[in-house]
Amino acid sequence: QVQLVESGGGLVQAGGSLRLSCAASPNIFSFNGMYWYRQAPGKQRELVATITMSGTTNYADSVKGRFTISRDNDKNTVYLQMNSLKPEDTAVYFCNGNYGQFNRPIWGQGTQVTVAS
């Protein structure tokens, strides 16, 4: 079964940290690049971070220096380490990957991150 399953969201105080996980099935090598998006209430979904199969990363300007995307190929998991969290980081965070030779987009169910001021 092809799926992405996020975990690790929650409520945190401003300045705190959270680590999100995204477990990929059948395996992480089936996906051509992995992405974290977020969607705040009343706003469009925005791209937060990307990581390629070779490990190259890229970040939205709003999270540079605070968030780190990484991957553990042995665990078929992509992570998003979020430090120095701000109330404006509050959103549902989604994992996304392009699956297979036709790059079919696969989305996880999302995980809520709430940062209290």
C-alpha atoms as a PDB file:
ATOM      1  CA  GLN A   1       0.000   0.000   0.000  1.00  0.00           C
ATOM      2  CA  VAL A   2       1.323   3.427  -0.960  1.00  0.00           C
ATOM      3  CA  GLN A   3       0.915   5.881   1.872  1.00  0.00           C
ATOM      4  CA  LEU A   4       2.511   8.540   4.003  1.00  0.00           C
ATOM      5  CA  VAL A   5       1.673   8.742   7.695  1.00  0.00           C
ATOM      6  CA  GLU A   6       2.589  11.784   9.776  1.00  0.00           C
ATOM      7  CA  SER A   7       3.012  11.951  13.524  1.00  0.00           C
ATOM      8  CA  GLY A   8       4.502  14.223  16.155  1.00  0.00           C
ATOM      9  CA  GLY A   9       2.236  17.248  16.119  1.00  0.00           C
ATOM     10  CA  GLY A  10       0.898  18.869  19.258  1.00  0.00           C
ATOM     11  CA  LEU A  11       0.668  21.976  21.388  1.00  0.00           C
ATOM     12  CA  VAL A  12       3.861  23.824  22.298  1.00  0.00           C
ATOM     13  CA  GLN A  13       4.751  27.208  23.766  1.00  0.00           C
ATOM     14  CA  ALA A  14       6.395  29.840  21.603  1.00  0.00           C
ATOM     15  CA  GLY A  15      10.132  29.233  21.487  1.00  0.00           C
ATOM     16  CA  GLY A  16       9.686  25.504  21.909  1.00  0.00           C
ATOM     17  CA  SER A  17      10.447  22.601  19.602  1.00  0.00           C
ATOM     18  CA  LEU A  18       8.656  19.720  17.935  1.00  0.00           C
ATOM     19  CA  ARG A  19       9.753  16.957  15.607  1.00  0.00           C
ATOM     20  CA  LEU A  20       7.370  15.683  12.969  1.00  0.00           C
ATOM     21  CA  SER A  21       7.777  12.274  11.384  1.00  0.00           C
ATOM     22  CA  CYS A  22       6.505  10.966   8.066  1.00  0.00           C
ATOM     23  CA  ALA A  23       6.595   7.202   7.557  1.00  0.00           C
ATOM     24  CA  ALA A  24       6.640   6.177   3.894  1.00  0.00           C
ATOM     25  CA  SER A  25       5.190   2.954   2.495  1.00  0.00           C
ATOM     26  CA  PRO A  26       6.125   0.731   0.736  1.00  0.00           C
ATOM     27  CA  ASN A  27       9.535   2.359   1.183  1.00  0.00           C
ATOM     28  CA  ILE A  28      11.135   5.778   0.963  1.00  0.00           C
ATOM     29  CA  PHE A  29      13.011   4.953  -2.246  1.00  0.00           C
ATOM     30  CA  SER A  30       9.666   4.714  -4.059  1.00  0.00           C
ATOM     31  CA  PHE A  31       9.327   8.473  -3.733  1.00  0.00           C
ATOM     32  CA  ASN A  32      11.138  11.001  -5.903  1.00  0.00           C
ATOM     33  CA  GLY A  33      11.645  13.759  -3.383  1.00  0.00           C
ATOM     34  CA  MET A  34       9.810  14.359  -0.128  1.00  0.00           C
ATOM     35  CA  TYR A  35       8.136  17.549   1.050  1.00  0.00           C
ATOM     36  CA  TRP A  36       6.571  19.139   4.097  1.00  0.00           C
ATOM     37  CA  TYR A  37       3.689  21.550   3.541  1.00  0.00           C
ATOM     38  CA  ARG A  38       1.526  23.435   6.010  1.00  0.00           C
ATOM     39  CA  GLN A  39      -1.890  25.030   5.911  1.00  0.00           C
ATOM     40  CA  ALA A  40      -3.076  27.568   8.446  1.00  0.00           C
ATOM     41  CA  PRO A  41      -6.776  28.358   8.878  1.00  0.00           C
ATOM     42  CA  GLY A  42      -8.035  30.537   6.048  1.00  0.00           C
ATOM     43  CA  LYS A  43      -4.732  30.346   4.162  1.00  0.00           C
ATOM     44  CA  GLN A  44      -3.418  28.423   1.196  1.00  0.00           C
ATOM     45  CA  ARG A  45      -1.227  25.409   1.656  1.00  0.00           C
ATOM     46  CA  GLU A  46       2.423  26.420   1.491  1.00  0.00           C
ATOM     47  CA  LEU A  47       5.629  24.501   0.910  1.00  0.00           C
ATOM     48  CA  VAL A  48       7.849  24.508   3.988  1.00  0.00           C
ATOM     49  CA  ALA A  49      10.765  22.189   3.215  1.00  0.00           C
ATOM     50  CA  THR A  50      11.996  19.729   0.612  1.00  0.00           C
ATOM     51  CA  ILE A  51      14.547  16.934   0.531  1.00  0.00           C
ATOM     52  CA  THR A  52      15.684  15.079  -2.558  1.00  0.00           C
ATOM     53  CA  MET A  53      16.688  11.437  -2.835  1.00  0.00           C
ATOM     54  CA  SER A  54      20.324  12.547  -2.613  1.00  0.00           C
ATOM     55  CA  GLY A  55      19.642  14.576   0.515  1.00  0.00           C
ATOM     56  CA  THR A  56      19.623  18.085  -0.912  1.00  0.00           C
ATOM     57  CA  THR A  57      17.363  20.330   1.154  1.00  0.00           C
ATOM     58  CA  ASN A  58      15.503  23.569   0.600  1.00  0.00           C
ATOM     59  CA  TYR A  59      13.373  25.740   2.879  1.00  0.00           C
ATOM     60  CA  ALA A  60      10.820  28.485   2.793  1.00  0.00           C
ATOM     61  CA  ASP A  61      12.274  31.807   3.890  1.00  0.00           C
ATOM     62  CA  SER A  62       9.901  31.916   6.857  1.00  0.00           C
ATOM     63  CA  VAL A  63      11.458  28.802   8.431  1.00  0.00           C
ATOM     64  CA  LYS A  64      15.113  29.006   7.361  1.00  0.00           C
ATOM     65  CA  GLY A  65      17.442  28.621  10.304  1.00  0.00           C
ATOM     66  CA  ARG A  66      14.658  27.215  12.514  1.00  0.00           C
ATOM     67  CA  PHE A  67      13.435  24.076  10.725  1.00  0.00           C
ATOM     68  CA  THR A  68      15.474  21.128   9.501  1.00  0.00           C
ATOM     69  CA  ILE A  69      14.258  18.411   7.144  1.00  0.00           C
ATOM     70  CA  SER A  70      16.052  15.075   7.157  1.00  0.00           C
ATOM     71  CA  ARG A  71      15.523  11.490   6.125  1.00  0.00           C
ATOM     72  CA  ASP A  72      16.392   8.090   7.577  1.00  0.00           C
ATOM     73  CA  ASN A  73      16.382   5.634   4.702  1.00  0.00           C
ATOM     74  CA  ASP A  74      16.679   2.627   7.005  1.00  0.00           C
ATOM     75  CA  LYS A  75      13.480   3.650   8.793  1.00  0.00           C
ATOM     76  CA  ASN A  76      11.704   4.864   5.625  1.00  0.00           C
ATOM     77  CA  THR A  77      10.991   8.088   7.457  1.00  0.00           C
ATOM     78  CA  VAL A  78      11.340  11.807   6.794  1.00  0.00           C
ATOM     79  CA  TYR A  79      11.550  14.230   9.703  1.00  0.00           C
ATOM     80  CA  LEU A  80      10.898  17.905  10.229  1.00  0.00           C
ATOM     81  CA  GLN A  81      12.684  19.283  13.273  1.00  0.00           C
ATOM     82  CA  MET A  82      11.079  22.577  14.241  1.00  0.00           C
ATOM     83  CA  ASN A  83      12.879  24.861  16.692  1.00  0.00           C
ATOM     84  CA  SER A  84      12.172  28.367  17.951  1.00  0.00           C
ATOM     85  CA  LEU A  85       8.522  27.922  17.101  1.00  0.00           C
ATOM     86  CA  LYS A  86       6.321  30.983  16.675  1.00  0.00           C
ATOM     87  CA  PRO A  87       2.539  31.358  16.881  1.00  0.00           C
ATOM     88  CA  GLU A  88       2.507  31.943  13.127  1.00  0.00           C
ATOM     89  CA  ASP A  89       3.828  28.405  12.648  1.00  0.00           C
ATOM     90  CA  THR A  90       0.458  27.119  13.823  1.00  0.00           C
ATOM     91  CA  ALA A  91      -1.002  24.992  11.024  1.00  0.00           C
ATOM     92  CA  VAL A  92      -1.780  21.502   9.875  1.00  0.00           C
ATOM     93  CA  TYR A  93       1.446  20.026   8.545  1.00  0.00           C
ATOM     94  CA  PHE A  94       1.316  17.595   5.633  1.00  0.00           C
ATOM     95  CA  CYS A  95       3.896  15.222   4.270  1.00  0.00           C
ATOM     96  CA  ASN A  96       3.986  14.847   0.492  1.00  0.00           C
ATOM     97  CA  GLY A  97       5.950  12.729  -1.925  1.00  0.00           C
ATOM     98  CA  ASN A  98       5.997  11.974  -5.641  1.00  0.00           C
ATOM     99  CA  TYR A  99       5.564   8.245  -6.049  1.00  0.00           C
ATOM    100  CA  GLY A 100       6.933   6.005  -8.755  1.00  0.00           C
ATOM    101  CA  GLN A 101       8.002   6.607 -12.316  1.00  0.00           C
ATOM    102  CA  PHE A 102       4.995   8.836 -13.024  1.00  0.00           C
ATOM    103  CA  ASN A 103       5.540  11.009  -9.935  1.00  0.00           C
ATOM    104  CA  ARG A 104       2.050  10.456  -8.588  1.00  0.00           C
ATOM    105  CA  PRO A 105       1.553  12.876  -5.694  1.00  0.00           C
ATOM    106  CA  ILE A 106       0.819  11.184  -2.379  1.00  0.00           C
ATOM    107  CA  TRP A 107      -0.344  13.115   0.684  1.00  0.00           C
ATOM    108  CA  GLY A 108      -0.422  12.181   4.313  1.00  0.00           C
ATOM    109  CA  GLN A 109      -3.429  12.872   6.509  1.00  0.00           C
ATOM    110  CA  GLY A 110      -1.818  15.849   8.233  1.00  0.00           C
ATOM    111  CA  THR A 111      -0.823  16.574  11.811  1.00  0.00           C
ATOM    112  CA  GLN A 112      -1.832  19.638  13.808  1.00  0.00           C
ATOM    113  CA  VAL A 113       0.844  21.930  15.227  1.00  0.00           C
ATOM    114  CA  THR A 114      -0.323  24.652  17.586  1.00  0.00           C
ATOM    115  CA  VAL A 115       2.095  27.217  19.008  1.00  0.00           C
ATOM    116  CA  ALA A 116       0.778  29.182  21.968  1.00  0.00           C
ATOM    117  CA  SER A 117       2.031  32.703  22.616  1.00  0.00           C
END
